Amino acid sequence: MRTGSILRARRASEKVYVSKDARDNQYVIAEMPLTDELISLVVGDIDLSAEKPYQKFYQKLAKLAFDVVEECNIAHANFVANNRLVRVRHSEEQQVLHTAQQSFFFYSPLHNSTFKGYYDGSERSNKVKFLFLATGEEIRINSGEFHHKVNKAVLEIAKRIGLSGGEFKVRDHQHLTYDIFAKEKGRKDSITHTFREISARYKQQGYELDGDHKFITYAVASIPLSRRLLKGIDLDYSVDDIFDPIYKKVEAAFKNAAKKHNLTHAAMIANGNTVIVRYDEGENTIFNGEIISLGFNPKNDATDIVALYESDKLVDNIRLVYFADEYDETHQTYGKFVNQVTKSLNSLAEELNWNKERDYLLMRLHQQVVRRV
């Protein structure tokens, strides 16, 4: 009995304690290229001389999809065909905001639900996307069931269109967002997580993912450039790289803290770009207007800690991205990795003289699985 107890203790997953008011989000994006074949299957021929030649196509496809969504008992979904990157964030006020390259969907899982399309009938989008947003109180506990419902809906949408299967790329995104210094601000209540890899968690919940899939786990921390953080740094406004001393100070603290806590894949971004992370075996970094895409391969064990910033620009927030490789997955969980990131951010905060009782340092843990349906 004693030997068994010791073995269980050694194999136990490392637990992560986060504030009870941490926010859960889950959303699934199913997308495919907008091909001539797709247009033909949905509406047949279109009149390119019309003022809005693609209007009927978008309307009919949206109606087809929303009928399926209703039948599958999914409360919140959107149809998007506007050549913008879809972003989802938590907000008590439901709204959608567009920039030149991005569509931000703000919603609360507790009380928001809608069916709506976002497109311009005069423009042909590169892709069509269906955005499914999880609702309810127990997002993580019910995540496997939600993915299963979405998978069923996507298969039915493909069937009613007349597609042969495998055309949709499906990305299941899950976030947990919290202030790592919530306890210092008086919020003592906490909940525990081990952060099991998504497909393993789904299997445990009774919903096994069939077919090939790829997954990534990473954490993003946001450091606001507060007035107090800028104090004590001499800035020369006669030079082009005015803010270089600020970024070099944060970069040094960031790299020191990462090294101290054995984090081997991380990036500091301070150039005003929106950061997205993609599974990419080549680990390419792509700059595209207001977006920077960081490619990451979890199977690459080489150390890579970088800082990307523009010294002539003062950003509102510095983003710190920490990537989990396959060696960070211990017994199918990422608890140890998340605790390493938290300790690293604590060390960084101490070096920057952060006010933990007042200043927020938000961390968002991302888990993502990608598959073909």
Foldseek 3Di string as FASTA:
>chain_A
DVVVVVVCVVQDFFKDKAFPPKDKWKKKKKKFFPDPLLQCLQPNDWDLVDQQGQVVVQVRLLVLLVVLCVVLVAFAKEKEFAQADEAEDEDCDFDWDDDPHHIYTYYHLEDDGDYYYYDGSNDGGRMIMMMGIHHDDPCLLCVLVVVVSVVVSVVVSCVSSPHPFQRIKMKMKMKIKHFLLVVLQPRPDIDMDQAFAVQVSSVVSVRHDDDDKDKWKKKKKKDFCDPVLCPPDDFDPVDQLRQVVSQVLLLVLLVVLCVVLVFFDKEKEAAQADEDEDADPVQDWDDDPRHIYTHDHLQDPHGDYYYDYRRNDGHRIMMMMGTHHPVCQRSRGNNSVVVSVSSSVVSSCVSSVHDSNPDTIMMMIMMMMIDTD
